[in-house]
Amino acid sequence: MHILITGGNGQLGQALQTVLVEDEVTAVDRDDLDISDKAQLFAVIEQAKPDIVINCAAYTNVDGCVSDPELAYCVNGFGPQNLALACQAQDIPLVQVSTNEVFDGRDTEPYAEWTPPSPPNAYGRSKAAGEFNVRSIWGKSYIVRTAWLYSPTGRNFIHAILRRARNSGKIRVVTDEIGNPTYTHDLALAISQLIRTGQYGTYHFVNQGACSRWEFANEICRLAGLDHVQNDPILGSEFKRASTPPPYGQLANIAGGAIGITLRPWQEALAECLDQMEDK
């Protein structure tokens, strides 16, 4: 299978390239392709002639989306629309990667795939727009929502916690934000399985189990041998930031589980990730 990955230099894009070793993979990043440029996008897909496109390209600066919602929509909403149109024209399936931040986090039970989106912030609104545009245009599409992505490299929560813990010997992390820590390698494996099923629709792929950011940080420190680091629990209201994340963002993998695609517990995945890190 020839697979075109947009956003190929990002955490998930790189993980997909390590997983899809038996496929022919063409990975492009924003220096090669601006998905908001319709003419360029059509030309790239027509030339590449892939069997499927996996869109990992996104504007993921959640706080930045607040100050520049137009840019957020341009990349996260209009870009997927262009991809859906291009894939429709070539009769190519499309995977659109989305987020748990399309939900407002006011529920107390894990969000199912069919729960209506209610995004609480500019980032979530732009990603919900991308989902809507893809679904409205192209039936051969997979919407894959995930949450709290991390990998051994790149900028993510794990590296931020380890840096702060080592530099100060003390950290402060919120206790009232709940979600599913998800290892990019495991998500890539799930997507690799999904694209071979032909069962289009919306899926929630996250590592099993959920925790607070505070609990997540505690486990990171424990696995890294930093148990001595003091982790003070705080409320989200004490951590000032431009955007407001969903306080309860746990996703339920119902659709994927029904076709045999599940991810392992987040604690196991985190331990493996830390083993792969050079600066653990």
Protein backbone atom coordinates (compact mmCIF):
# COMPACT_ATOMS: atom_id res chain seq x y z
CA MET A 1 0.00 0.00 0.00
CA HIS A 2 1.29 3.46 -0.90
CA ILE A 3 0.55 5.83 1.96
CA LEU A 4 0.91 9.62 1.88
CA ILE A 5 1.42 11.16 5.32
CA THR A 6 0.99 14.90 5.78
CA GLY A 7 2.65 16.43 8.84
CA GLY A 8 5.34 13.77 8.50
CA ASN A 9 7.84 15.47 10.80
CA GLY A 10 5.49 15.63 13.78
CA GLN A 11 5.32 13.14 16.63
CA LEU A 12 2.61 10.99 15.05
CA GLY A 13 3.94 11.37 11.52
CA GLN A 14 7.31 10.02 12.60
CA ALA A 15 5.73 7.19 14.58
CA LEU A 16 3.68 6.15 11.55
CA GLN A 17 6.81 5.98 9.43
CA THR A 18 8.44 3.58 11.91
CA VAL A 19 5.33 1.38 12.03
CA LEU A 20 4.40 1.27 8.33
CA VAL A 21 7.67 -0.37 7.28
CA GLU A 22 5.98 -2.92 5.01
CA ASP A 23 4.21 -0.18 3.06
CA GLU A 24 5.49 2.40 0.61
CA VAL A 25 5.36 5.67 2.54
CA THR A 26 5.67 9.22 1.25
CA ALA A 27 5.89 11.71 4.12
CA VAL A 28 5.59 15.45 3.56
CA ASP A 29 5.68 18.29 6.06
CA ARG A 30 4.67 21.95 5.95
CA ASP A 31 7.89 22.89 4.12
CA ASP A 32 6.82 20.53 1.33
CA LEU A 33 3.05 21.02 1.42
CA ASP A 34 0.67 23.63 2.80
CA ILE A 35 -2.62 21.75 3.12
CA SER A 36 -4.51 25.07 3.16
CA ASP A 37 -3.24 25.69 -0.41
CA LYS A 38 -5.83 23.82 -2.46
CA ALA A 39 -4.02 23.99 -5.80
CA GLN A 40 -0.74 22.78 -4.33
CA LEU A 41 -2.48 20.00 -2.43
CA PHE A 42 -4.33 18.72 -5.50
CA ALA A 43 -1.07 18.71 -7.47
CA VAL A 44 0.85 16.81 -4.80
CA ILE A 45 -1.81 14.12 -4.41
CA GLU A 46 -2.26 13.74 -8.16
CA GLN A 47 1.49 13.32 -8.59
CA ALA A 48 1.98 10.96 -5.62
CA LYS A 49 -1.02 8.78 -6.49
CA PRO A 50 -1.26 7.23 -3.00
CA ASP A 51 -3.66 4.47 -2.02
CA ILE A 52 -4.57 6.39 1.16
CA VAL A 53 -3.77 9.71 2.82
CA ILE A 54 -3.18 10.10 6.59
CA ASN A 55 -3.46 13.72 7.68
CA CYS A 56 -1.26 14.45 10.70
CA ALA A 57 -0.77 18.10 9.71
CA ALA A 58 -2.28 20.46 12.28
CA TYR A 59 -1.79 23.68 14.18
CA THR A 60 -1.46 22.20 17.67
CA ASN A 61 -0.45 25.28 19.66
CA VAL A 62 -3.61 25.25 21.75
CA ASP A 63 -2.92 28.60 23.41
CA GLY A 64 -1.79 30.07 20.09
CA CYS A 65 -5.16 29.19 18.58
CA VAL A 66 -6.76 31.65 21.01
CA SER A 67 -4.72 34.58 19.73
CA ASP A 68 -5.00 33.53 16.07
CA PRO A 69 -8.24 31.58 15.52
CA GLU A 70 -8.15 32.34 11.79
CA LEU A 71 -4.85 30.52 11.41
CA ALA A 72 -6.23 27.64 13.49
CA TYR A 73 -9.24 27.30 11.21
CA CYS A 74 -7.12 27.71 8.08
CA VAL A 75 -4.92 24.73 9.00
CA ASN A 76 -7.23 22.56 11.11
CA GLY A 77 -10.54 23.24 9.39
CA PHE A 78 -9.92 24.37 5.83
CA GLY A 79 -6.89 22.10 5.32
CA PRO A 80 -8.86 18.88 5.96
CA GLN A 81 -11.60 20.22 3.68
CA ASN A 82 -9.06 20.53 0.86
CA LEU A 83 -7.75 17.05 1.59
CA ALA A 84 -11.25 15.58 1.49
CA LEU A 85 -11.93 17.25 -1.85
CA ALA A 86 -8.61 16.06 -3.30
CA CYS A 87 -9.12 12.51 -2.05
CA GLN A 88 -12.69 12.49 -3.36
CA ALA A 89 -11.45 13.56 -6.79
CA GLN A 90 -8.94 10.69 -6.88
CA ASP A 91 -11.17 8.17 -5.02
CA ILE A 92 -8.60 7.83 -2.23
CA PRO A 93 -9.51 7.06 1.42
CA LEU A 94 -8.52 9.68 4.00
CA VAL A 95 -7.59 9.47 7.69
CA GLN A 96 -8.21 12.70 9.58
CA VAL A 97 -6.57 12.82 13.02
CA SER A 98 -8.56 14.76 15.61
CA THR A 99 -8.64 15.38 19.34
CA ASN A 100 -10.57 14.93 22.58
CA GLU A 101 -10.75 18.73 22.75
CA VAL A 102 -13.78 18.67 20.44
CA PHE A 103 -15.64 17.90 23.70
CA ASP A 104 -16.24 20.45 26.45
CA GLY A 105 -15.32 18.11 29.30
CA ARG A 106 -18.49 18.64 31.32
CA ASP A 107 -19.55 14.99 31.21
CA THR A 108 -18.61 12.49 33.88
CA GLU A 109 -18.50 9.39 31.66
CA PRO A 110 -16.01 8.67 28.85
CA TYR A 111 -17.00 10.24 25.55
CA ALA A 112 -18.29 7.81 22.91
CA GLU A 113 -17.57 8.22 19.20
CA TRP A 114 -21.14 9.34 18.50
CA THR A 115 -21.29 12.01 21.22
CA PRO A 116 -22.00 15.38 19.53
CA PRO A 117 -18.95 17.66 19.63
CA SER A 118 -19.10 20.73 21.87
CA PRO A 119 -15.62 22.29 21.66
CA PRO A 120 -14.66 24.54 24.59
CA ASN A 121 -11.84 26.48 22.93
CA ALA A 122 -10.49 27.82 19.63
CA TYR A 123 -8.34 24.76 19.02
CA GLY A 124 -11.24 22.38 19.61
CA ARG A 125 -13.51 24.44 17.36
CA SER A 126 -10.99 24.35 14.53
CA LYS A 127 -10.54 20.58 14.85
CA ALA A 128 -14.31 20.02 15.03
CA ALA A 129 -14.62 22.05 11.83
CA GLY A 130 -12.07 19.79 10.17
CA GLU A 131 -14.03 16.71 11.22
CA PHE A 132 -17.29 18.19 9.92
CA ASN A 133 -15.75 19.18 6.59
CA VAL A 134 -14.25 15.73 6.00
CA ARG A 135 -17.45 13.89 6.90
CA SER A 136 -19.58 16.19 4.79
CA ILE A 137 -17.44 15.80 1.69
CA TRP A 138 -16.00 12.30 1.56
CA GLY A 139 -17.55 9.03 2.64
CA LYS A 140 -14.31 7.06 2.43
CA SER A 141 -12.88 8.70 5.52
CA TYR A 142 -11.74 7.70 8.98
CA ILE A 143 -11.92 10.25 11.79
CA VAL A 144 -9.45 9.22 14.51
CA ARG A 145 -9.68 11.14 17.78
CA THR A 146 -6.89 10.82 20.31
CA ALA A 147 -5.59 12.62 23.41
CA TRP A 148 -2.48 13.68 25.33
CA LEU A 149 0.00 12.42 22.73
CA TYR A 150 3.62 11.87 23.66
CA SER A 151 6.71 10.26 22.15
CA PRO A 152 10.37 9.72 23.08
CA THR A 153 11.35 12.82 21.08
CA GLY A 154 9.83 16.19 20.38
CA ARG A 155 8.04 18.65 22.63
CA ASN A 156 5.42 17.07 24.85
CA PHE A 157 4.22 16.74 28.45
CA ILE A 158 6.80 14.11 29.40
CA HIS A 159 9.78 16.22 28.40
CA ALA A 160 8.33 19.30 30.09
CA ILE A 161 7.80 17.44 33.37
CA LEU A 162 11.26 15.85 33.35
CA ARG A 163 12.94 19.17 32.58
CA ARG A 164 11.11 21.00 35.37
CA ALA A 165 11.64 18.16 37.85
CA ARG A 166 15.37 18.02 37.24
CA ASN A 167 15.91 21.76 37.13
CA SER A 168 13.96 22.71 40.25
CA GLY A 169 13.38 19.50 42.18
CA LYS A 170 9.75 20.57 42.57
CA ILE A 171 6.77 20.72 40.24
CA ARG A 172 3.14 21.86 40.37
CA VAL A 173 0.59 20.00 38.21
CA VAL A 174 -3.18 20.27 37.87
CA THR A 175 -5.41 17.60 39.38
CA ASP A 176 -8.70 18.57 37.75
CA GLU A 177 -7.86 17.81 34.12
CA ILE A 178 -8.54 14.16 33.24
CA GLY A 179 -7.59 12.41 30.02
CA ASN A 180 -5.95 9.43 28.32
CA PRO A 181 -2.16 9.63 27.96
CA THR A 182 -1.46 8.11 24.53
CA TYR A 183 1.83 6.87 23.11
CA THR A 184 2.27 7.82 19.45
CA HIS A 185 3.70 4.39 18.65
CA ASP A 186 0.54 2.67 19.91
CA LEU A 187 -1.68 5.12 18.05
CA ALA A 188 0.29 4.51 14.86
CA LEU A 189 -0.18 0.75 15.25
CA ALA A 190 -3.93 1.23 15.68
CA ILE A 191 -4.15 3.43 12.58
CA SER A 192 -2.14 0.86 10.62
CA GLN A 193 -4.72 -1.77 11.54
CA LEU A 194 -7.67 0.51 10.83
CA ILE A 195 -6.72 1.52 7.29
CA ARG A 196 -6.77 -2.12 6.21
CA THR A 197 -10.36 -2.68 7.33
CA GLY A 198 -12.25 -0.41 4.94
CA GLN A 199 -14.67 0.30 7.81
CA TYR A 200 -14.92 4.06 7.56
CA GLY A 201 -16.24 6.14 10.43
CA THR A 202 -15.21 7.80 13.69
CA TYR A 203 -12.84 6.11 16.14
CA HIS A 204 -11.33 6.91 19.54
CA PHE A 205 -7.81 5.53 19.78
CA VAL A 206 -6.21 6.16 23.17
CA ASN A 207 -4.25 4.00 25.57
CA GLN A 208 -6.54 2.26 28.06
CA GLY A 209 -7.31 4.01 31.31
CA ALA A 210 -7.36 7.65 32.30
CA CYS A 211 -5.71 9.84 34.90
CA SER A 212 -5.23 13.43 35.93
CA ARG A 213 -2.27 15.48 34.73
CA TRP A 214 -0.97 15.27 38.32
CA GLU A 215 -1.15 11.46 38.34
CA PHE A 216 0.48 11.35 34.90
CA ALA A 217 3.36 13.50 36.16
CA ASN A 218 3.77 11.30 39.25
CA GLU A 219 4.12 8.19 37.09
CA ILE A 220 6.61 9.92 34.79
CA CYS A 221 8.76 10.88 37.77
CA ARG A 222 8.50 7.42 39.31
CA LEU A 223 9.60 5.67 36.13
CA ALA A 224 12.45 8.15 35.65
CA GLY A 225 13.75 7.58 39.18
CA LEU A 226 12.64 11.01 40.36
CA ASP A 227 10.33 9.85 43.15
CA HIS A 228 11.95 12.37 45.48
CA VAL A 229 10.66 15.32 43.43
CA GLN A 230 7.81 17.13 45.16
CA ASN A 231 4.68 17.34 43.00
CA ASP A 232 2.20 19.83 44.44
CA PRO A 233 -1.39 19.32 43.27
CA ILE A 234 -3.10 22.48 42.02
CA LEU A 235 -6.37 23.35 40.30
CA GLY A 236 -6.57 24.42 36.70
CA SER A 237 -7.75 27.85 37.83
CA GLU A 238 -4.35 28.34 39.47
CA PHE A 239 -2.50 27.59 36.23
CA LYS A 240 -3.02 30.62 34.04
CA ARG A 241 -3.12 30.01 30.30
CA ALA A 242 -4.90 31.48 27.29
CA SER A 243 -6.91 28.36 26.42
CA THR A 244 -9.24 26.29 28.58
CA PRO A 245 -8.84 22.52 28.11
CA PRO A 246 -11.75 20.16 28.79
CA PRO A 247 -11.57 19.27 32.50
CA TYR A 248 -12.80 15.75 31.76
CA GLY A 249 -11.60 14.55 28.37
CA GLN A 250 -11.58 10.77 28.67
CA LEU A 251 -12.41 8.99 25.41
CA ALA A 252 -14.04 5.56 25.12
CA ASN A 253 -12.77 3.25 22.39
CA ILE A 254 -16.06 1.59 21.47
CA ALA A 255 -15.96 1.54 17.66
CA GLY A 256 -12.35 0.33 17.49
CA GLY A 257 -12.91 -2.29 20.15
CA ALA A 258 -15.84 -3.66 18.16
CA ILE A 259 -13.51 -4.52 15.27
CA GLY A 260 -10.67 -5.78 17.45
CA ILE A 261 -8.48 -2.67 17.64
CA THR A 262 -7.49 -1.76 21.20
CA LEU A 263 -4.51 -0.07 22.83
CA ARG A 264 -2.69 -1.30 25.95
CA PRO A 265 -2.90 0.42 29.38
CA TRP A 266 -1.28 3.84 29.46
CA GLN A 267 1.11 2.87 32.26
CA GLU A 268 2.66 0.09 30.13
CA ALA A 269 2.98 2.36 27.13
CA LEU A 270 4.58 5.13 29.19
CA ALA A 271 7.15 2.75 30.65
CA GLU A 272 8.17 1.64 27.14
CA CYS A 273 8.40 5.21 25.92
CA LEU A 274 10.68 6.23 28.79
CA ASP A 275 12.90 3.24 28.03
CA GLN A 276 13.32 4.63 24.50
CA MET A 277 14.31 8.10 25.67
CA GLU A 278 17.94 9.13 25.63
CA ASP A 279 17.48 11.83 28.30
CA LYS A 280 15.34 9.87 30.76
